Amino acid sequence: MLPLRNRLKSRQRINELFQSGKTIAGRNLFLRYQVTERTFPKISFAISKKMAPLASSRNRIKRLLAGVASADLKKNSSGVDLVVGLKRPLPKQLLRDEKFRQTIKTELSDLLKKSTRQKLTPKKIIKT
């Protein structure tokens, strides 16, 4: 589970990220991010009903992503707001497949590393 200080809960801030944040995409996931003045990262997960129709599936995906993100965010001490989402719908059977879950974990770790590298030279820092 993510620590409270690392959770991005503001609906207004999440909407700002979707409108003006930078995007990095992998095969199954996308990540929107924006640099802030904070000294710690904040992250949110956006999984729509189109991507996973059952609430239990959406929650399972969010728990999987949150577990990976919490481990990676401990290494990252810079201020950035992140929103992670799915690019394509996932069949329910794939969530139970260990190989696919490992693929998702690896992909999210790679996206988080890319966002850390790309944000080192920000054009615009958002004050929060």
N, C-alpha and C. Protein backbone atom coordinates (compact mmCIF):
# COMPACT_ATOMS: atom_id res chain seq x y z
N MET A 1 0.84 -1.18 0.00
CA MET A 1 0.00 0.00 0.00
C MET A 1 0.89 1.25 0.00
N LEU A 2 0.43 2.25 -0.70
CA LEU A 2 1.18 3.50 -0.77
C LEU A 2 1.05 4.29 0.53
N PRO A 3 2.12 4.91 0.99
CA PRO A 3 2.00 5.80 2.14
C PRO A 3 1.10 6.99 1.81
N LEU A 4 0.43 7.54 2.80
CA LEU A 4 -0.50 8.65 2.57
C LEU A 4 0.16 9.83 1.88
N ARG A 5 1.39 10.14 2.24
CA ARG A 5 2.03 11.32 1.65
C ARG A 5 2.35 11.13 0.17
N ASN A 6 2.36 9.89 -0.32
CA ASN A 6 2.64 9.62 -1.72
C ASN A 6 1.39 9.41 -2.58
N ARG A 7 0.21 9.63 -2.00
CA ARG A 7 -1.03 9.45 -2.76
C ARG A 7 -1.49 10.78 -3.32
N LEU A 8 -1.76 10.79 -4.60
CA LEU A 8 -2.29 11.97 -5.28
C LEU A 8 -3.80 11.83 -5.28
N LYS A 9 -4.50 12.66 -4.48
CA LYS A 9 -5.93 12.50 -4.31
C LYS A 9 -6.74 13.64 -4.91
N SER A 10 -6.12 14.75 -5.19
CA SER A 10 -6.84 15.93 -5.68
C SER A 10 -7.36 15.70 -7.10
N ARG A 11 -8.67 15.72 -7.25
CA ARG A 11 -9.28 15.53 -8.57
C ARG A 11 -8.84 16.64 -9.52
N GLN A 12 -8.73 17.85 -8.99
CA GLN A 12 -8.30 18.99 -9.82
C GLN A 12 -6.87 18.77 -10.33
N ARG A 13 -5.99 18.31 -9.48
CA ARG A 13 -4.60 18.08 -9.88
C ARG A 13 -4.49 16.93 -10.90
N ILE A 14 -5.30 15.90 -10.71
CA ILE A 14 -5.30 14.78 -11.66
C ILE A 14 -5.78 15.25 -13.03
N ASN A 15 -6.82 16.09 -13.06
CA ASN A 15 -7.31 16.64 -14.33
C ASN A 15 -6.24 17.50 -15.00
N GLU A 16 -5.49 18.28 -14.21
CA GLU A 16 -4.40 19.10 -14.76
C GLU A 16 -3.33 18.20 -15.40
N LEU A 17 -3.03 17.08 -14.75
CA LEU A 17 -2.04 16.15 -15.30
C LEU A 17 -2.51 15.59 -16.64
N PHE A 18 -3.79 15.24 -16.73
CA PHE A 18 -4.30 14.71 -17.99
C PHE A 18 -4.30 15.76 -19.09
N GLN A 19 -4.49 17.03 -18.72
CA GLN A 19 -4.52 18.08 -19.74
C GLN A 19 -3.13 18.56 -20.14
N SER A 20 -2.24 18.74 -19.17
CA SER A 20 -0.96 19.37 -19.51
C SER A 20 0.28 18.58 -19.10
N GLY A 21 0.11 17.38 -18.58
CA GLY A 21 1.27 16.59 -18.18
C GLY A 21 1.93 15.91 -19.37
N LYS A 22 3.18 15.53 -19.17
CA LYS A 22 3.91 14.79 -20.20
C LYS A 22 3.52 13.31 -20.10
N THR A 23 3.55 12.62 -21.23
CA THR A 23 3.13 11.22 -21.27
C THR A 23 4.28 10.32 -21.69
N ILE A 24 4.38 9.20 -21.00
CA ILE A 24 5.28 8.12 -21.39
C ILE A 24 4.39 6.89 -21.49
N ALA A 25 4.53 6.15 -22.58
CA ALA A 25 3.68 4.98 -22.78
C ALA A 25 4.50 3.73 -22.97
N GLY A 26 3.99 2.66 -22.40
CA GLY A 26 4.57 1.34 -22.62
C GLY A 26 3.60 0.53 -23.45
N ARG A 27 3.74 -0.76 -23.40
CA ARG A 27 2.85 -1.61 -24.19
C ARG A 27 1.44 -1.68 -23.60
N ASN A 28 1.34 -1.81 -22.28
CA ASN A 28 0.04 -1.94 -21.62
C ASN A 28 -0.33 -0.75 -20.76
N LEU A 29 0.65 0.05 -20.35
CA LEU A 29 0.43 1.15 -19.41
C LEU A 29 0.84 2.48 -20.00
N PHE A 30 0.26 3.55 -19.47
CA PHE A 30 0.75 4.89 -19.77
C PHE A 30 0.98 5.60 -18.44
N LEU A 31 1.84 6.59 -18.47
CA LEU A 31 2.16 7.35 -17.28
C LEU A 31 2.16 8.82 -17.66
N ARG A 32 1.39 9.62 -16.94
CA ARG A 32 1.40 11.07 -17.13
C ARG A 32 2.08 11.66 -15.91
N TYR A 33 2.97 12.62 -16.15
CA TYR A 33 3.71 13.18 -15.02
C TYR A 33 3.97 14.67 -15.22
N GLN A 34 4.26 15.34 -14.12
CA GLN A 34 4.63 16.74 -14.13
C GLN A 34 5.49 17.01 -12.90
N VAL A 35 6.53 17.78 -13.09
CA VAL A 35 7.46 18.11 -12.02
C VAL A 35 6.82 19.13 -11.08
N THR A 36 7.04 18.97 -9.77
CA THR A 36 6.55 19.91 -8.78
C THR A 36 7.70 20.37 -7.89
N GLU A 37 7.42 21.29 -6.99
CA GLU A 37 8.45 21.79 -6.07
C GLU A 37 8.60 20.91 -4.83
N ARG A 38 7.69 19.96 -4.65
CA ARG A 38 7.77 19.09 -3.48
C ARG A 38 9.06 18.27 -3.50
N THR A 39 9.40 17.69 -2.36
CA THR A 39 10.60 16.87 -2.26
C THR A 39 10.27 15.39 -2.31
N PHE A 40 9.02 15.05 -2.54
CA PHE A 40 8.61 13.65 -2.62
C PHE A 40 7.57 13.49 -3.73
N PRO A 41 7.49 12.31 -4.33
CA PRO A 41 6.54 12.08 -5.42
C PRO A 41 5.14 11.75 -4.91
N LYS A 42 4.13 12.01 -5.76
CA LYS A 42 2.75 11.61 -5.49
C LYS A 42 2.24 10.87 -6.71
N ILE A 43 1.47 9.81 -6.47
CA ILE A 43 1.01 8.97 -7.58
C ILE A 43 -0.46 8.59 -7.41
N SER A 44 -1.14 8.46 -8.55
CA SER A 44 -2.53 8.04 -8.59
C SER A 44 -2.70 7.03 -9.72
N PHE A 45 -3.74 6.20 -9.63
CA PHE A 45 -4.00 5.20 -10.64
C PHE A 45 -5.37 5.43 -11.24
N ALA A 46 -5.46 5.46 -12.57
CA ALA A 46 -6.72 5.71 -13.27
C ALA A 46 -7.04 4.48 -14.13
N ILE A 47 -7.98 3.68 -13.67
CA ILE A 47 -8.40 2.49 -14.41
C ILE A 47 -9.89 2.64 -14.68
N SER A 48 -10.27 2.83 -15.93
CA SER A 48 -11.68 3.08 -16.26
C SER A 48 -12.46 1.78 -16.41
N LYS A 49 -13.78 1.92 -16.43
CA LYS A 49 -14.64 0.75 -16.62
C LYS A 49 -14.46 0.13 -18.00
N LYS A 50 -14.05 0.93 -18.97
CA LYS A 50 -13.81 0.37 -20.30
C LYS A 50 -12.63 -0.60 -20.27
N MET A 51 -11.65 -0.31 -19.44
CA MET A 51 -10.45 -1.13 -19.40
C MET A 51 -10.64 -2.40 -18.58
N ALA A 52 -11.41 -2.32 -17.51
CA ALA A 52 -11.70 -3.47 -16.65
C ALA A 52 -13.12 -3.31 -16.12
N PRO A 53 -14.09 -3.98 -16.71
CA PRO A 53 -15.50 -3.76 -16.37
C PRO A 53 -15.86 -4.06 -14.91
N LEU A 54 -15.24 -5.05 -14.32
CA LEU A 54 -15.57 -5.41 -12.93
C LEU A 54 -14.75 -4.60 -11.94
N ALA A 55 -15.41 -4.12 -10.90
CA ALA A 55 -14.72 -3.34 -9.87
C ALA A 55 -13.62 -4.17 -9.21
N SER A 56 -13.87 -5.45 -9.03
CA SER A 56 -12.84 -6.30 -8.41
C SER A 56 -11.58 -6.38 -9.28
N SER A 57 -11.77 -6.37 -10.60
CA SER A 57 -10.61 -6.37 -11.50
C SER A 57 -9.86 -5.06 -11.44
N ARG A 58 -10.61 -3.95 -11.43
CA ARG A 58 -9.97 -2.64 -11.34
C ARG A 58 -9.18 -2.52 -10.04
N ASN A 59 -9.76 -2.98 -8.95
CA ASN A 59 -9.08 -2.90 -7.66
C ASN A 59 -7.85 -3.79 -7.62
N ARG A 60 -7.94 -4.97 -8.24
CA ARG A 60 -6.78 -5.87 -8.28
C ARG A 60 -5.63 -5.23 -9.06
N ILE A 61 -5.97 -4.59 -10.17
CA ILE A 61 -4.94 -3.91 -10.98
C ILE A 61 -4.31 -2.78 -10.18
N LYS A 62 -5.14 -2.00 -9.50
CA LYS A 62 -4.61 -0.89 -8.69
C LYS A 62 -3.71 -1.38 -7.58
N ARG A 63 -4.08 -2.48 -6.92
CA ARG A 63 -3.24 -3.03 -5.86
C ARG A 63 -1.91 -3.52 -6.41
N LEU A 64 -1.96 -4.17 -7.55
CA LEU A 64 -0.73 -4.65 -8.19
C LEU A 64 0.19 -3.48 -8.52
N LEU A 65 -0.37 -2.45 -9.14
CA LEU A 65 0.42 -1.27 -9.51
C LEU A 65 0.93 -0.52 -8.28
N ALA A 66 0.10 -0.41 -7.26
CA ALA A 66 0.51 0.30 -6.04
C ALA A 66 1.66 -0.41 -5.34
N GLY A 67 1.64 -1.72 -5.36
CA GLY A 67 2.74 -2.48 -4.74
C GLY A 67 4.06 -2.21 -5.43
N VAL A 68 4.04 -2.20 -6.75
CA VAL A 68 5.27 -1.93 -7.50
C VAL A 68 5.70 -0.48 -7.30
N ALA A 69 4.73 0.44 -7.36
CA ALA A 69 5.04 1.86 -7.24
C ALA A 69 5.61 2.21 -5.87
N SER A 70 5.06 1.62 -4.81
CA SER A 70 5.55 1.97 -3.47
C SER A 70 7.02 1.57 -3.31
N ALA A 71 7.40 0.44 -3.88
CA ALA A 71 8.80 0.01 -3.80
C ALA A 71 9.69 0.96 -4.61
N ASP A 72 9.23 1.38 -5.79
CA ASP A 72 10.04 2.27 -6.63
C ASP A 72 10.06 3.71 -6.12
N LEU A 73 8.98 4.16 -5.49
CA LEU A 73 8.93 5.54 -5.00
C LEU A 73 9.85 5.76 -3.81
N LYS A 74 10.17 4.70 -3.08
CA LYS A 74 11.10 4.83 -1.96
C LYS A 74 12.48 5.25 -2.44
N LYS A 75 12.82 4.83 -3.66
CA LYS A 75 14.12 5.18 -4.24
C LYS A 75 14.13 6.60 -4.81
N ASN A 76 12.95 7.11 -5.14
CA ASN A 76 12.82 8.41 -5.79
C ASN A 76 12.50 9.48 -4.76
N SER A 77 13.37 10.46 -4.60
CA SER A 77 13.14 11.49 -3.58
C SER A 77 12.85 12.86 -4.19
N SER A 78 12.47 12.88 -5.47
CA SER A 78 12.20 14.16 -6.11
C SER A 78 10.70 14.39 -6.26
N GLY A 79 10.32 15.65 -6.43
CA GLY A 79 8.92 16.02 -6.52
C GLY A 79 8.36 15.86 -7.92
N VAL A 80 7.44 14.94 -8.06
CA VAL A 80 6.77 14.73 -9.34
C VAL A 80 5.38 14.16 -9.04
N ASP A 81 4.39 14.61 -9.80
CA ASP A 81 3.05 14.04 -9.71
C ASP A 81 2.87 13.07 -10.86
N LEU A 82 2.33 11.90 -10.57
CA LEU A 82 2.19 10.83 -11.56
C LEU A 82 0.77 10.29 -11.59
N VAL A 83 0.28 9.97 -12.78
CA VAL A 83 -0.96 9.22 -12.95
C VAL A 83 -0.64 8.04 -13.86
N VAL A 84 -0.98 6.85 -13.41
CA VAL A 84 -0.74 5.63 -14.18
C VAL A 84 -2.08 5.06 -14.61
N GLY A 85 -2.17 4.62 -15.87
CA GLY A 85 -3.40 4.02 -16.37
C GLY A 85 -3.13 2.93 -17.38
N LEU A 86 -4.19 2.22 -17.75
CA LEU A 86 -4.09 1.15 -18.74
C LEU A 86 -4.35 1.71 -20.13
N LYS A 87 -3.63 1.20 -21.11
CA LYS A 87 -3.83 1.62 -22.50
C LYS A 87 -4.89 0.80 -23.20
N ARG A 88 -5.06 -0.44 -22.81
CA ARG A 88 -6.00 -1.32 -23.50
C ARG A 88 -6.74 -2.18 -22.48
N PRO A 89 -7.94 -2.63 -22.82
CA PRO A 89 -8.69 -3.50 -21.89
C PRO A 89 -7.96 -4.81 -21.62
N LEU A 90 -8.11 -5.28 -20.39
CA LEU A 90 -7.47 -6.53 -20.00
C LEU A 90 -8.52 -7.59 -19.71
N PRO A 91 -8.38 -8.77 -20.29
CA PRO A 91 -9.28 -9.86 -19.92
C PRO A 91 -9.02 -10.28 -18.47
N LYS A 92 -10.06 -10.69 -17.80
CA LYS A 92 -9.95 -11.06 -16.39
C LYS A 92 -8.94 -12.20 -16.17
N GLN A 93 -8.84 -13.10 -17.15
CA GLN A 93 -7.95 -14.25 -17.01
C GLN A 93 -6.48 -13.81 -16.93
N LEU A 94 -6.14 -12.72 -17.59
CA LEU A 94 -4.75 -12.26 -17.59
C LEU A 94 -4.29 -11.83 -16.20
N LEU A 95 -5.21 -11.31 -15.39
CA LEU A 95 -4.82 -10.84 -14.05
C LEU A 95 -4.36 -11.99 -13.16
N ARG A 96 -4.82 -13.18 -13.46
CA ARG A 96 -4.41 -14.34 -12.66
C ARG A 96 -3.13 -14.99 -13.19
N ASP A 97 -2.71 -14.60 -14.37
CA ASP A 97 -1.51 -15.17 -14.99
C ASP A 97 -0.27 -14.50 -14.39
N GLU A 98 0.56 -15.28 -13.72
CA GLU A 98 1.74 -14.75 -13.02
C GLU A 98 2.74 -14.11 -13.99
N LYS A 99 2.88 -14.70 -15.16
CA LYS A 99 3.81 -14.15 -16.15
C LYS A 99 3.36 -12.76 -16.61
N PHE A 100 2.06 -12.59 -16.83
CA PHE A 100 1.55 -11.28 -17.24
C PHE A 100 1.70 -10.26 -16.11
N ARG A 101 1.43 -10.68 -14.88
CA ARG A 101 1.58 -9.77 -13.74
C ARG A 101 3.03 -9.31 -13.61
N GLN A 102 3.96 -10.21 -13.85
CA GLN A 102 5.38 -9.84 -13.80
C GLN A 102 5.72 -8.86 -14.91
N THR A 103 5.10 -9.03 -16.09
CA THR A 103 5.31 -8.12 -17.21
C THR A 103 4.82 -6.71 -16.85
N ILE A 104 3.65 -6.63 -16.23
CA ILE A 104 3.09 -5.34 -15.82
C ILE A 104 4.01 -4.68 -14.79
N LYS A 105 4.50 -5.45 -13.83
CA LYS A 105 5.40 -4.90 -12.81
C LYS A 105 6.67 -4.34 -13.45
N THR A 106 7.24 -5.08 -14.37
CA THR A 106 8.46 -4.63 -15.04
C THR A 106 8.20 -3.37 -15.86
N GLU A 107 7.07 -3.36 -16.56
CA GLU A 107 6.73 -2.20 -17.39
C GLU A 107 6.54 -0.94 -16.54
N LEU A 108 5.86 -1.06 -15.41
CA LEU A 108 5.66 0.11 -14.54
C LEU A 108 6.99 0.60 -13.97
N SER A 109 7.84 -0.32 -13.56
CA SER A 109 9.16 0.09 -13.04
C SER A 109 9.94 0.85 -14.10
N ASP A 110 9.91 0.36 -15.34
CA ASP A 110 10.61 1.03 -16.43
C ASP A 110 10.04 2.42 -16.69
N LEU A 111 8.71 2.55 -16.68
CA LEU A 111 8.08 3.86 -16.91
C LEU A 111 8.44 4.84 -15.80
N LEU A 112 8.47 4.38 -14.56
CA LEU A 112 8.84 5.26 -13.44
C LEU A 112 10.29 5.71 -13.57
N LYS A 113 11.17 4.83 -14.00
CA LYS A 113 12.57 5.21 -14.20
C LYS A 113 12.70 6.24 -15.31
N LYS A 114 11.95 6.04 -16.40
CA LYS A 114 11.98 7.00 -17.51
C LYS A 114 11.49 8.37 -17.08
N SER A 115 10.42 8.40 -16.29
CA SER A 115 9.90 9.70 -15.84
C SER A 115 10.91 10.41 -14.95
N THR A 116 11.66 9.66 -14.16
CA THR A 116 12.67 10.25 -13.30
C THR A 116 13.81 10.84 -14.13
N ARG A 117 14.22 10.12 -15.17
CA ARG A 117 15.30 10.61 -16.03
C ARG A 117 14.88 11.82 -16.84
N GLN A 118 13.65 11.83 -17.37
CA GLN A 118 13.22 12.89 -18.25
C GLN A 118 12.88 14.18 -17.51
N LYS A 119 12.59 14.08 -16.24
CA LYS A 119 12.17 15.28 -15.53
C LYS A 119 13.35 16.09 -14.97
N LEU A 120 14.56 15.67 -15.20
CA LEU A 120 15.71 16.36 -14.65
C LEU A 120 15.88 17.77 -15.21
N THR A 121 15.39 18.03 -16.41
CA THR A 121 15.46 19.37 -16.99
C THR A 121 14.05 19.89 -17.27
N PRO A 122 13.32 20.28 -16.23
CA PRO A 122 11.94 20.71 -16.43
C PRO A 122 11.87 22.08 -17.07
N LYS A 123 10.88 22.25 -17.96
CA LYS A 123 10.64 23.55 -18.57
C LYS A 123 9.76 24.38 -17.66
N LYS A 124 8.88 23.71 -16.94
CA LYS A 124 7.92 24.41 -16.10
C LYS A 124 7.71 23.62 -14.84
N ILE A 125 7.99 24.21 -13.70
CA ILE A 125 7.79 23.56 -12.42
C ILE A 125 6.50 24.09 -11.82
N ILE A 126 5.62 23.19 -11.44
CA ILE A 126 4.33 23.55 -10.86
C ILE A 126 4.47 23.73 -9.36
N LYS A 127 3.96 24.84 -8.85
CA LYS A 127 3.96 25.07 -7.41
C LYS A 127 2.71 24.42 -6.83
N THR A 128 2.92 23.60 -5.78
CA THR A 128 1.77 22.95 -5.14
C THR A 128 1.71 23.28 -3.69
